[in-house]
Amino acid sequence: MKIPPRCPQANAYAERFVHTVRSEVTDRMLIFGQRHLRTVLDEYAQHYNGRRPHRGQQLHPPQPDHPTADLTDERMKRRPVLGGLINERERAA
């Protein structure tokens, strides 16, 4: 099914993802060519699909590195993604 041009309401899911990528990544970085853009988008897609907390799963990521536990008393370590634009947290050793 073809979507009419200049009609973002016709594909709301794709438009929402494009808005999210723009606001979280491309509006905050200088992109130096197509290869750089693909690298940045690949890294963001890995974070977005695998490590980002999802509201539909009670803020648990779909592919956690380890079982989620109560972390209120534990020390956390920050791991930057995309040069620090996004931060993922994990238990400190």
Protein backbone atom coordinates (compact mmCIF):
# COMPACT_ATOMS: atom_id res chain seq x y z
CA MET A 1 0.00 0.00 0.00
CA LYS A 2 1.47 3.34 -1.01
CA ILE A 3 1.34 6.22 1.41
CA PRO A 4 0.39 9.63 0.02
CA PRO A 5 3.25 12.16 -0.01
CA ARG A 6 3.36 14.79 2.74
CA CYS A 7 0.79 12.98 4.84
CA PRO A 8 2.47 11.90 8.11
CA GLN A 9 -0.83 10.76 9.65
CA ALA A 10 -0.92 7.87 7.16
CA ASN A 11 2.00 6.10 8.85
CA ALA A 12 2.07 7.24 12.47
CA TYR A 13 4.41 4.49 13.73
CA ALA A 14 7.16 5.30 11.23
CA GLU A 15 6.74 9.04 11.78
CA ARG A 16 7.05 8.59 15.56
CA PHE A 17 10.27 6.61 15.13
CA VAL A 18 11.70 9.25 12.78
CA HIS A 19 10.83 11.95 15.33
CA THR A 20 12.50 9.94 18.12
CA VAL A 21 15.69 9.39 16.11
CA ARG A 22 15.85 13.06 15.14
CA SER A 23 15.31 14.37 18.67
CA GLU A 24 17.66 11.89 20.38
CA VAL A 25 20.44 11.53 17.80
CA THR A 26 20.65 13.49 14.59
CA ASP A 27 19.66 16.88 16.05
CA ARG A 28 22.53 16.54 18.54
CA MET A 29 25.31 15.33 16.24
CA LEU A 30 27.10 16.42 13.11
CA ILE A 31 26.86 13.64 10.57
CA PHE A 32 29.83 13.40 8.20
CA GLY A 33 28.51 11.47 5.24
CA GLN A 34 26.40 8.42 4.55
CA ARG A 35 28.79 5.90 6.13
CA HIS A 36 28.88 7.86 9.39
CA LEU A 37 25.07 8.15 9.37
CA ARG A 38 24.68 4.39 8.88
CA THR A 39 27.13 3.68 11.73
CA VAL A 40 25.30 6.06 14.08
CA LEU A 41 21.87 4.68 13.14
CA ASP A 42 23.04 1.06 13.54
CA GLU A 43 24.34 1.77 17.05
CA TYR A 44 21.17 3.65 17.96
CA ALA A 45 18.98 0.84 16.61
CA GLN A 46 20.82 -1.69 18.81
CA HIS A 47 20.17 0.51 21.84
CA TYR A 48 16.57 1.28 20.87
CA ASN A 49 15.56 -2.32 20.16
CA GLY A 50 17.57 -4.18 22.77
CA ARG A 51 18.68 -2.10 25.74
CA ARG A 52 16.12 0.69 26.07
CA PRO A 53 13.48 0.23 28.80
CA HIS A 54 10.05 -0.42 27.27
CA ARG A 55 6.90 0.79 29.01
CA GLY A 56 4.95 -2.23 27.78
CA GLN A 57 7.37 -4.46 29.71
CA GLN A 58 7.27 -2.53 33.01
CA LEU A 59 10.44 -0.61 32.02
CA HIS A 60 12.51 -3.75 31.45
CA PRO A 61 14.67 -3.98 28.33
CA PRO A 62 13.79 -6.73 25.83
CA GLN A 63 17.31 -8.19 25.81
CA PRO A 64 18.91 -7.52 29.22
CA ASP A 65 22.55 -8.46 29.73
CA HIS A 66 21.66 -9.91 33.12
CA PRO A 67 18.48 -10.46 35.17
CA THR A 68 16.94 -7.24 36.39
CA ALA A 69 17.10 -6.85 40.16
CA ASP A 70 16.27 -4.20 42.72
CA LEU A 71 19.13 -1.74 42.29
CA THR A 72 18.22 0.79 44.95
CA ASP A 73 21.22 -0.08 47.16
CA GLU A 74 23.70 -1.00 44.46
CA ARG A 75 26.30 1.14 42.75
CA MET A 76 25.72 1.79 39.09
CA LYS A 77 28.17 2.33 36.27
CA ARG A 78 27.31 4.52 33.31
CA ARG A 79 28.13 3.28 29.81
CA PRO A 80 27.93 5.94 27.10
CA VAL A 81 26.32 5.11 23.75
CA LEU A 82 26.91 7.28 20.68
CA GLY A 83 29.69 9.22 22.35
CA GLY A 84 27.63 10.04 25.44
CA LEU A 85 24.39 11.17 23.77
CA ILE A 86 22.63 8.24 25.41
CA ASN A 87 23.69 6.57 28.65
CA GLU A 88 23.02 2.98 29.62
CA ARG A 89 23.49 1.88 33.20
CA GLU A 90 24.72 -1.41 34.59
CA ARG A 91 25.89 -2.72 37.92
CA ALA A 92 29.36 -1.64 38.99
CA ALA A 93 31.78 -4.47 39.71
